[in-house]
Amino acid sequence: MNVESPQPNQFFTLEDDKAINEALLASYEKNLARVALHSLNLLRQIAQDTGVAIAELNTQQIIQWFEKEAKIRVEQGSEATFLKW
């Protein structure tokens, strides 16, 4: 499905989106697939940043990662964070 890797700050590729659009799924299932793929790629980044395997991540580690992102955003601006929104 995904030959090219997402670029930094990109949660899924155009190829991924095309595959989802072409899938024989209802609209709500396509949206759920996008959310799932987005979440997987975000979890990959969290795992990389924390040095913890995705399967080993727990709720507290994920929350701490988001808190760290928020602190960076306040102190250094949004360009210094992984999440760009």
PDB file of N, CA and C in Angstrom:
ATOM      1  N   MET A   1       0.824  -1.191   0.000  1.00  0.00           N
ATOM      2  CA  MET A   1       0.000   0.000   0.000  1.00  0.00           C
ATOM      3  C   MET A   1       0.865   1.250   0.000  1.00  0.00           C
ATOM      4  N   ASN A   2       1.737   1.432   0.958  1.00  0.00           N
ATOM      5  CA  ASN A   2       2.514   2.651   1.077  1.00  0.00           C
ATOM      6  C   ASN A   2       3.949   2.391   0.673  1.00  0.00           C
ATOM      7  N   VAL A   3       4.306   2.789  -0.530  1.00  0.00           N
ATOM      8  CA  VAL A   3       5.662   2.615  -1.017  1.00  0.00           C
ATOM      9  C   VAL A   3       6.536   3.756  -0.527  1.00  0.00           C
ATOM     10  N   GLU A   4       6.029   4.974  -0.620  1.00  0.00           N
ATOM     11  CA  GLU A   4       6.800   6.118  -0.165  1.00  0.00           C
ATOM     12  C   GLU A   4       6.491   6.397   1.293  1.00  0.00           C
ATOM     13  N   SER A   5       7.500   6.822   2.042  1.00  0.00           N
ATOM     14  CA  SER A   5       7.315   7.126   3.454  1.00  0.00           C
ATOM     15  C   SER A   5       6.752   8.527   3.600  1.00  0.00           C
ATOM     16  N   PRO A   6       5.940   8.737   4.634  1.00  0.00           N
ATOM     17  CA  PRO A   6       5.466  10.091   4.869  1.00  0.00           C
ATOM     18  C   PRO A   6       6.649  11.023   5.137  1.00  0.00           C
ATOM     19  N   GLN A   7       6.560  12.229   4.655  1.00  0.00           N
ATOM     20  CA  GLN A   7       7.581  13.227   4.929  1.00  0.00           C
ATOM     21  C   GLN A   7       7.389  13.709   6.361  1.00  0.00           C
ATOM     22  N   PRO A   8       8.399  14.369   6.936  1.00  0.00           N
ATOM     23  CA  PRO A   8       8.212  14.923   8.277  1.00  0.00           C
ATOM     24  C   PRO A   8       6.942  15.770   8.323  1.00  0.00           C
ATOM     25  N   ASN A   9       6.190  15.619   9.368  1.00  0.00           N
ATOM     26  CA  ASN A   9       4.951  16.364   9.599  1.00  0.00           C
ATOM     27  C   ASN A   9       3.840  15.994   8.632  1.00  0.00           C
ATOM     28  N   GLN A  10       4.008  14.932   7.889  1.00  0.00           N
ATOM     29  CA  GLN A  10       2.967  14.450   6.976  1.00  0.00           C
ATOM     30  C   GLN A  10       2.553  13.079   7.481  1.00  0.00           C
ATOM     31  N   PHE A  11       1.283  12.893   7.737  1.00  0.00           N
ATOM     32  CA  PHE A  11       0.838  11.672   8.389  1.00  0.00           C
ATOM     33  C   PHE A  11       0.460  10.562   7.439  1.00  0.00           C
ATOM     34  N   PHE A  12       0.210  10.886   6.205  1.00  0.00           N
ATOM     35  CA  PHE A  12       0.085   9.857   5.183  1.00  0.00           C
ATOM     36  C   PHE A  12       0.352  10.484   3.828  1.00  0.00           C
ATOM     37  N   THR A  13       0.750   9.652   2.902  1.00  0.00           N
ATOM     38  CA  THR A  13       1.178  10.133   1.592  1.00  0.00           C
ATOM     39  C   THR A  13      -0.016  10.272   0.648  1.00  0.00           C
ATOM     40  N   LEU A  14       0.230  10.929  -0.464  1.00  0.00           N
ATOM     41  CA  LEU A  14      -0.807  11.022  -1.498  1.00  0.00           C
ATOM     42  C   LEU A  14      -1.143   9.632  -2.029  1.00  0.00           C
ATOM     43  N   GLU A  15      -0.141   8.774  -2.084  1.00  0.00           N
ATOM     44  CA  GLU A  15      -0.388   7.400  -2.521  1.00  0.00           C
ATOM     45  C   GLU A  15      -1.308   6.666  -1.539  1.00  0.00           C
ATOM     46  N   ASP A  16      -1.093   6.876  -0.252  1.00  0.00           N
ATOM     47  CA  ASP A  16      -1.978   6.291   0.754  1.00  0.00           C
ATOM     48  C   ASP A  16      -3.410   6.786   0.565  1.00  0.00           C
ATOM     49  N   ASP A  17      -3.541   8.100   0.384  1.00  0.00           N
ATOM     50  CA  ASP A  17      -4.869   8.689   0.221  1.00  0.00           C
ATOM     51  C   ASP A  17      -5.548   8.141  -1.035  1.00  0.00           C
ATOM     52  N   LYS A  18      -4.780   7.986  -2.109  1.00  0.00           N
ATOM     53  CA  LYS A  18      -5.332   7.429  -3.342  1.00  0.00           C
ATOM     54  C   LYS A  18      -5.820   5.999  -3.109  1.00  0.00           C
ATOM     55  N   ALA A  19      -5.018   5.205  -2.400  1.00  0.00           N
ATOM     56  CA  ALA A  19      -5.406   3.822  -2.115  1.00  0.00           C
ATOM     57  C   ALA A  19      -6.696   3.776  -1.294  1.00  0.00           C
ATOM     58  N   ILE A  20      -6.804   4.674  -0.318  1.00  0.00           N
ATOM     59  CA  ILE A  20      -8.021   4.724   0.500  1.00  0.00           C
ATOM     60  C   ILE A  20      -9.210   5.129  -0.363  1.00  0.00           C
ATOM     61  N   ASN A  21      -9.026   6.141  -1.202  1.00  0.00           N
ATOM     62  CA  ASN A  21     -10.116   6.597  -2.070  1.00  0.00           C
ATOM     63  C   ASN A  21     -10.588   5.507  -3.022  1.00  0.00           C
ATOM     64  N   GLU A  22      -9.666   4.680  -3.498  1.00  0.00           N
ATOM     65  CA  GLU A  22     -10.007   3.625  -4.446  1.00  0.00           C
ATOM     66  C   GLU A  22     -10.540   2.358  -3.771  1.00  0.00           C
ATOM     67  N   ALA A  23     -10.392   2.273  -2.472  1.00  0.00           N
ATOM     68  CA  ALA A  23     -10.855   1.093  -1.740  1.00  0.00           C
ATOM     69  C   ALA A  23     -12.380   0.985  -1.811  1.00  0.00           C
ATOM     70  N   LEU A  24     -12.857  -0.220  -1.789  1.00  0.00           N
ATOM     71  CA  LEU A  24     -14.301  -0.463  -1.815  1.00  0.00           C
ATOM     72  C   LEU A  24     -14.864  -0.332  -0.403  1.00  0.00           C
ATOM     73  N   LEU A  25     -14.861   0.903   0.058  1.00  0.00           N
ATOM     74  CA  LEU A  25     -15.313   1.213   1.408  1.00  0.00           C
ATOM     75  C   LEU A  25     -16.358   2.324   1.351  1.00  0.00           C
ATOM     76  N   ALA A  26     -17.220   2.322   2.349  1.00  0.00           N
ATOM     77  CA  ALA A  26     -18.168   3.425   2.503  1.00  0.00           C
ATOM     78  C   ALA A  26     -17.386   4.670   2.929  1.00  0.00           C
ATOM     79  N   SER A  27     -17.972   5.829   2.754  1.00  0.00           N
ATOM     80  CA  SER A  27     -17.295   7.085   3.104  1.00  0.00           C
ATOM     81  C   SER A  27     -16.820   7.100   4.547  1.00  0.00           C
ATOM     82  N   TYR A  28     -17.653   6.656   5.470  1.00  0.00           N
ATOM     83  CA  TYR A  28     -17.256   6.679   6.874  1.00  0.00           C
ATOM     84  C   TYR A  28     -16.102   5.712   7.129  1.00  0.00           C
ATOM     85  N   GLU A  29     -16.046   4.604   6.387  1.00  0.00           N
ATOM     86  CA  GLU A  29     -14.939   3.660   6.534  1.00  0.00           C
ATOM     87  C   GLU A  29     -13.640   4.257   5.982  1.00  0.00           C
ATOM     88  N   LYS A  30     -13.749   4.995   4.899  1.00  0.00           N
ATOM     89  CA  LYS A  30     -12.571   5.674   4.344  1.00  0.00           C
ATOM     90  C   LYS A  30     -12.039   6.696   5.338  1.00  0.00           C
ATOM     91  N   ASN A  31     -12.950   7.434   5.973  1.00  0.00           N
ATOM     92  CA  ASN A  31     -12.523   8.405   6.975  1.00  0.00           C
ATOM     93  C   ASN A  31     -11.870   7.709   8.157  1.00  0.00           C
ATOM     94  N   LEU A  32     -12.424   6.591   8.589  1.00  0.00           N
ATOM     95  CA  LEU A  32     -11.819   5.836   9.685  1.00  0.00           C
ATOM     96  C   LEU A  32     -10.438   5.313   9.292  1.00  0.00           C
ATOM     97  N   ALA A  33     -10.284   4.893   8.052  1.00  0.00           N
ATOM     98  CA  ALA A  33      -8.979   4.428   7.574  1.00  0.00           C
ATOM     99  C   ALA A  33      -7.966   5.568   7.624  1.00  0.00           C
ATOM    100  N   ARG A  34      -8.380   6.767   7.226  1.00  0.00           N
ATOM    101  CA  ARG A  34      -7.477   7.926   7.294  1.00  0.00           C
ATOM    102  C   ARG A  34      -7.083   8.231   8.734  1.00  0.00           C
ATOM    103  N   VAL A  35      -8.054   8.184   9.641  1.00  0.00           N
ATOM    104  CA  VAL A  35      -7.763   8.433  11.059  1.00  0.00           C
ATOM    105  C   VAL A  35      -6.799   7.368  11.589  1.00  0.00           C
ATOM    106  N   ALA A  36      -7.041   6.105  11.225  1.00  0.00           N
ATOM    107  CA  ALA A  36      -6.174   5.020  11.688  1.00  0.00           C
ATOM    108  C   ALA A  36      -4.757   5.190  11.160  1.00  0.00           C
ATOM    109  N   LEU A  37      -4.623   5.514   9.893  1.00  0.00           N
ATOM    110  CA  LEU A  37      -3.302   5.700   9.297  1.00  0.00           C
ATOM    111  C   LEU A  37      -2.596   6.908   9.908  1.00  0.00           C
ATOM    112  N   HIS A  38      -3.339   7.973  10.088  1.00  0.00           N
ATOM    113  CA  HIS A  38      -2.802   9.176  10.733  1.00  0.00           C
ATOM    114  C   HIS A  38      -2.300   8.823  12.131  1.00  0.00           C
ATOM    115  N   SER A  39      -3.095   8.084  12.889  1.00  0.00           N
ATOM    116  CA  SER A  39      -2.732   7.696  14.250  1.00  0.00           C
ATOM    117  C   SER A  39      -1.501   6.802  14.267  1.00  0.00           C
ATOM    118  N   LEU A  40      -1.440   5.850  13.355  1.00  0.00           N
ATOM    119  CA  LEU A  40      -0.281   4.959  13.278  1.00  0.00           C
ATOM    120  C   LEU A  40       0.991   5.757  13.029  1.00  0.00           C
ATOM    121  N   ASN A  41       0.957   6.659  12.088  1.00  0.00           N
ATOM    122  CA  ASN A  41       2.148   7.442  11.785  1.00  0.00           C
ATOM    123  C   ASN A  41       2.525   8.378  12.923  1.00  0.00           C
ATOM    124  N   LEU A  42       1.544   8.914  13.628  1.00  0.00           N
ATOM    125  CA  LEU A  42       1.828   9.741  14.799  1.00  0.00           C
ATOM    126  C   LEU A  42       2.433   8.886  15.907  1.00  0.00           C
ATOM    127  N   LEU A  43       1.897   7.695  16.115  1.00  0.00           N
ATOM    128  CA  LEU A  43       2.471   6.796  17.123  1.00  0.00           C
ATOM    129  C   LEU A  43       3.904   6.398  16.771  1.00  0.00           C
ATOM    130  N   ARG A  44       4.184   6.236  15.486  1.00  0.00           N
ATOM    131  CA  ARG A  44       5.565   5.950  15.067  1.00  0.00           C
ATOM    132  C   ARG A  44       6.492   7.089  15.491  1.00  0.00           C
ATOM    133  N   GLN A  45       6.046   8.322  15.303  1.00  0.00           N
ATOM    134  CA  GLN A  45       6.866   9.470  15.684  1.00  0.00           C
ATOM    135  C   GLN A  45       7.046   9.525  17.196  1.00  0.00           C
ATOM    136  N   ILE A  46       5.974   9.301  17.940  1.00  0.00           N
ATOM    137  CA  ILE A  46       6.063   9.313  19.400  1.00  0.00           C
ATOM    138  C   ILE A  46       7.027   8.227  19.866  1.00  0.00           C
ATOM    139  N   ALA A  47       6.927   7.043  19.284  1.00  0.00           N
ATOM    140  CA  ALA A  47       7.818   5.940  19.644  1.00  0.00           C
ATOM    141  C   ALA A  47       9.270   6.312  19.347  1.00  0.00           C
ATOM    142  N   GLN A  48       9.505   6.916  18.200  1.00  0.00           N
ATOM    143  CA  GLN A  48      10.864   7.323  17.836  1.00  0.00           C
ATOM    144  C   GLN A  48      11.396   8.361  18.814  1.00  0.00           C
ATOM    145  N   ASP A  49      10.583   9.358  19.137  1.00  0.00           N
ATOM    146  CA  ASP A  49      11.020  10.433  20.032  1.00  0.00           C
ATOM    147  C   ASP A  49      11.258   9.948  21.457  1.00  0.00           C
ATOM    148  N   THR A  50      10.476   8.970  21.900  1.00  0.00           N
ATOM    149  CA  THR A  50      10.599   8.484  23.280  1.00  0.00           C
ATOM    150  C   THR A  50      11.528   7.290  23.410  1.00  0.00           C
ATOM    151  N   GLY A  51      11.879   6.676  22.284  1.00  0.00           N
ATOM    152  CA  GLY A  51      12.733   5.491  22.338  1.00  0.00           C
ATOM    153  C   GLY A  51      12.009   4.261  22.862  1.00  0.00           C
ATOM    154  N   VAL A  52      10.692   4.265  22.712  1.00  0.00           N
ATOM    155  CA  VAL A  52       9.861   3.161  23.184  1.00  0.00           C
ATOM    156  C   VAL A  52       9.139   2.564  21.974  1.00  0.00           C
ATOM    157  N   ALA A  53       9.098   1.241  21.884  1.00  0.00           N
ATOM    158  CA  ALA A  53       8.381   0.595  20.785  1.00  0.00           C
ATOM    159  C   ALA A  53       6.900   0.964  20.839  1.00  0.00           C
ATOM    160  N   ILE A  54       6.281   1.067  19.680  1.00  0.00           N
ATOM    161  CA  ILE A  54       4.856   1.424  19.632  1.00  0.00           C
ATOM    162  C   ILE A  54       4.027   0.519  20.547  1.00  0.00           C
ATOM    163  N   ALA A  55       4.283  -0.767  20.491  1.00  0.00           N
ATOM    164  CA  ALA A  55       3.502  -1.718  21.292  1.00  0.00           C
ATOM    165  C   ALA A  55       3.695  -1.511  22.789  1.00  0.00           C
ATOM    166  N   GLU A  56       4.775  -0.852  23.161  1.00  0.00           N
ATOM    167  CA  GLU A  56       5.069  -0.633  24.580  1.00  0.00           C
ATOM    168  C   GLU A  56       4.625   0.737  25.087  1.00  0.00           C
ATOM    169  N   LEU A  57       4.204   1.624  24.176  1.00  0.00           N
ATOM    170  CA  LEU A  57       3.755   2.948  24.598  1.00  0.00           C
ATOM    171  C   LEU A  57       2.530   2.824  25.491  1.00  0.00           C
ATOM    172  N   ASN A  58       2.475   3.682  26.497  1.00  0.00           N
ATOM    173  CA  ASN A  58       1.287   3.698  27.346  1.00  0.00           C
ATOM    174  C   ASN A  58       0.667   5.094  27.310  1.00  0.00           C
ATOM    175  N   THR A  59      -0.480   5.220  27.893  1.00  0.00           N
ATOM    176  CA  THR A  59      -1.226   6.477  27.870  1.00  0.00           C
ATOM    177  C   THR A  59      -0.399   7.624  28.412  1.00  0.00           C
ATOM    178  N   GLN A  60       0.284   7.412  29.528  1.00  0.00           N
ATOM    179  CA  GLN A  60       1.058   8.483  30.149  1.00  0.00           C
ATOM    180  C   GLN A  60       2.187   8.964  29.236  1.00  0.00           C
ATOM    181  N   GLN A  61       2.859   8.056  28.552  1.00  0.00           N
ATOM    182  CA  GLN A  61       3.938   8.444  27.644  1.00  0.00           C
ATOM    183  C   GLN A  61       3.400   9.271  26.470  1.00  0.00           C
ATOM    184  N   ILE A  62       2.249   8.888  25.968  1.00  0.00           N
ATOM    185  CA  ILE A  62       1.644   9.629  24.860  1.00  0.00           C
ATOM    186  C   ILE A  62       1.233  11.021  25.325  1.00  0.00           C
ATOM    187  N   ILE A  63       0.631  11.116  26.490  1.00  0.00           N
ATOM    188  CA  ILE A  63       0.247  12.418  27.042  1.00  0.00           C
ATOM    189  C   ILE A  63       1.472  13.283  27.267  1.00  0.00           C
ATOM    190  N   GLN A  64       2.533  12.704  27.824  1.00  0.00           N
ATOM    191  CA  GLN A  64       3.762  13.461  28.058  1.00  0.00           C
ATOM    192  C   GLN A  64       4.352  13.987  26.753  1.00  0.00           C
ATOM    193  N   TRP A  65       4.260  13.191  25.689  1.00  0.00           N
ATOM    194  CA  TRP A  65       4.768  13.636  24.395  1.00  0.00           C
ATOM    195  C   TRP A  65       3.985  14.862  23.925  1.00  0.00           C
ATOM    196  N   PHE A  66       2.661  14.824  24.056  1.00  0.00           N
ATOM    197  CA  PHE A  66       1.848  15.969  23.655  1.00  0.00           C
ATOM    198  C   PHE A  66       2.129  17.188  24.537  1.00  0.00           C
ATOM    199  N   GLU A  67       2.339  16.969  25.831  1.00  0.00           N
ATOM    200  CA  GLU A  67       2.678  18.077  26.729  1.00  0.00           C
ATOM    201  C   GLU A  67       4.006  18.715  26.315  1.00  0.00           C
ATOM    202  N   LYS A  68       4.975  17.873  25.953  1.00  0.00           N
ATOM    203  CA  LYS A  68       6.270  18.380  25.496  1.00  0.00           C
ATOM    204  C   LYS A  68       6.092  19.204  24.223  1.00  0.00           C
ATOM    205  N   GLU A  69       5.295  18.712  23.283  1.00  0.00           N
ATOM    206  CA  GLU A  69       4.998  19.448  22.048  1.00  0.00           C
ATOM    207  C   GLU A  69       4.377  20.806  22.369  1.00  0.00           C
ATOM    208  N   ALA A  70       3.422  20.824  23.303  1.00  0.00           N
ATOM    209  CA  ALA A  70       2.751  22.074  23.668  1.00  0.00           C
ATOM    210  C   ALA A  70       3.745  23.060  24.276  1.00  0.00           C
ATOM    211  N   LYS A  71       4.641  22.569  25.118  1.00  0.00           N
ATOM    212  CA  LYS A  71       5.641  23.428  25.748  1.00  0.00           C
ATOM    213  C   LYS A  71       6.581  24.014  24.691  1.00  0.00           C
ATOM    214  N   ILE A  72       7.016  23.190  23.753  1.00  0.00           N
ATOM    215  CA  ILE A  72       7.880  23.674  22.671  1.00  0.00           C
ATOM    216  C   ILE A  72       7.153  24.739  21.859  1.00  0.00           C
ATOM    217  N   ARG A  73       5.880  24.498  21.568  1.00  0.00           N
ATOM    218  CA  ARG A  73       5.088  25.456  20.785  1.00  0.00           C
ATOM    219  C   ARG A  73       5.037  26.814  21.486  1.00  0.00           C
ATOM    220  N   VAL A  74       4.837  26.799  22.807  1.00  0.00           N
ATOM    221  CA  VAL A  74       4.749  28.055  23.568  1.00  0.00           C
ATOM    222  C   VAL A  74       6.107  28.745  23.619  1.00  0.00           C
ATOM    223  N   GLU A  75       7.156  27.971  23.879  1.00  0.00           N
ATOM    224  CA  GLU A  75       8.483  28.556  24.079  1.00  0.00           C
ATOM    225  C   GLU A  75       9.203  28.915  22.777  1.00  0.00           C
ATOM    226  N   GLN A  76       9.011  28.108  21.720  1.00  0.00           N
ATOM    227  CA  GLN A  76       9.798  28.286  20.511  1.00  0.00           C
ATOM    228  C   GLN A  76       8.967  28.557  19.260  1.00  0.00           C
ATOM    229  N   GLY A  77       7.661  28.424  19.364  1.00  0.00           N
ATOM    230  CA  GLY A  77       6.791  28.623  18.214  1.00  0.00           C
ATOM    231  C   GLY A  77       6.469  27.328  17.508  1.00  0.00           C
ATOM    232  N   SER A  78       5.437  27.370  16.681  1.00  0.00           N
ATOM    233  CA  SER A  78       4.945  26.147  16.046  1.00  0.00           C
ATOM    234  C   SER A  78       5.912  25.545  15.041  1.00  0.00           C
ATOM    235  N   GLU A  79       6.813  26.361  14.480  1.00  0.00           N
ATOM    236  CA  GLU A  79       7.776  25.814  13.518  1.00  0.00           C
ATOM    237  C   GLU A  79       8.769  24.865  14.168  1.00  0.00           C
ATOM    238  N   ALA A  80       8.927  24.950  15.500  1.00  0.00           N
ATOM    239  CA  ALA A  80       9.879  24.094  16.212  1.00  0.00           C
ATOM    240  C   ALA A  80       9.254  22.761  16.625  1.00  0.00           C
ATOM    241  N   THR A  81       7.962  22.601  16.420  1.00  0.00           N
ATOM    242  CA  THR A  81       7.278  21.380  16.858  1.00  0.00           C
ATOM    243  C   THR A  81       7.093  20.404  15.716  1.00  0.00           C
ATOM    244  N   PHE A  82       6.816  19.162  16.075  1.00  0.00           N
ATOM    245  CA  PHE A  82       6.513  18.156  15.071  1.00  0.00           C
ATOM    246  C   PHE A  82       5.132  18.412  14.469  1.00  0.00           C
ATOM    247  N   LEU A  83       4.159  18.668  15.323  1.00  0.00           N
ATOM    248  CA  LEU A  83       2.782  18.917  14.869  1.00  0.00           C
ATOM    249  C   LEU A  83       2.660  20.342  14.348  1.00  0.00           C
ATOM    250  N   LYS A  84       2.150  20.472  13.168  1.00  0.00           N
ATOM    251  CA  LYS A  84       1.992  21.798  12.557  1.00  0.00           C
ATOM    252  C   LYS A  84       0.510  22.065  12.342  1.00  0.00           C
ATOM    253  N   TRP A  85      -0.115  22.720  13.293  1.00  0.00           N
ATOM    254  CA  TRP A  85      -1.497  23.137  13.096  1.00  0.00           C
ATOM    255  C   TRP A  85      -1.795  24.370  13.864  1.00  0.00           C
TER     256      TRP A  85
END
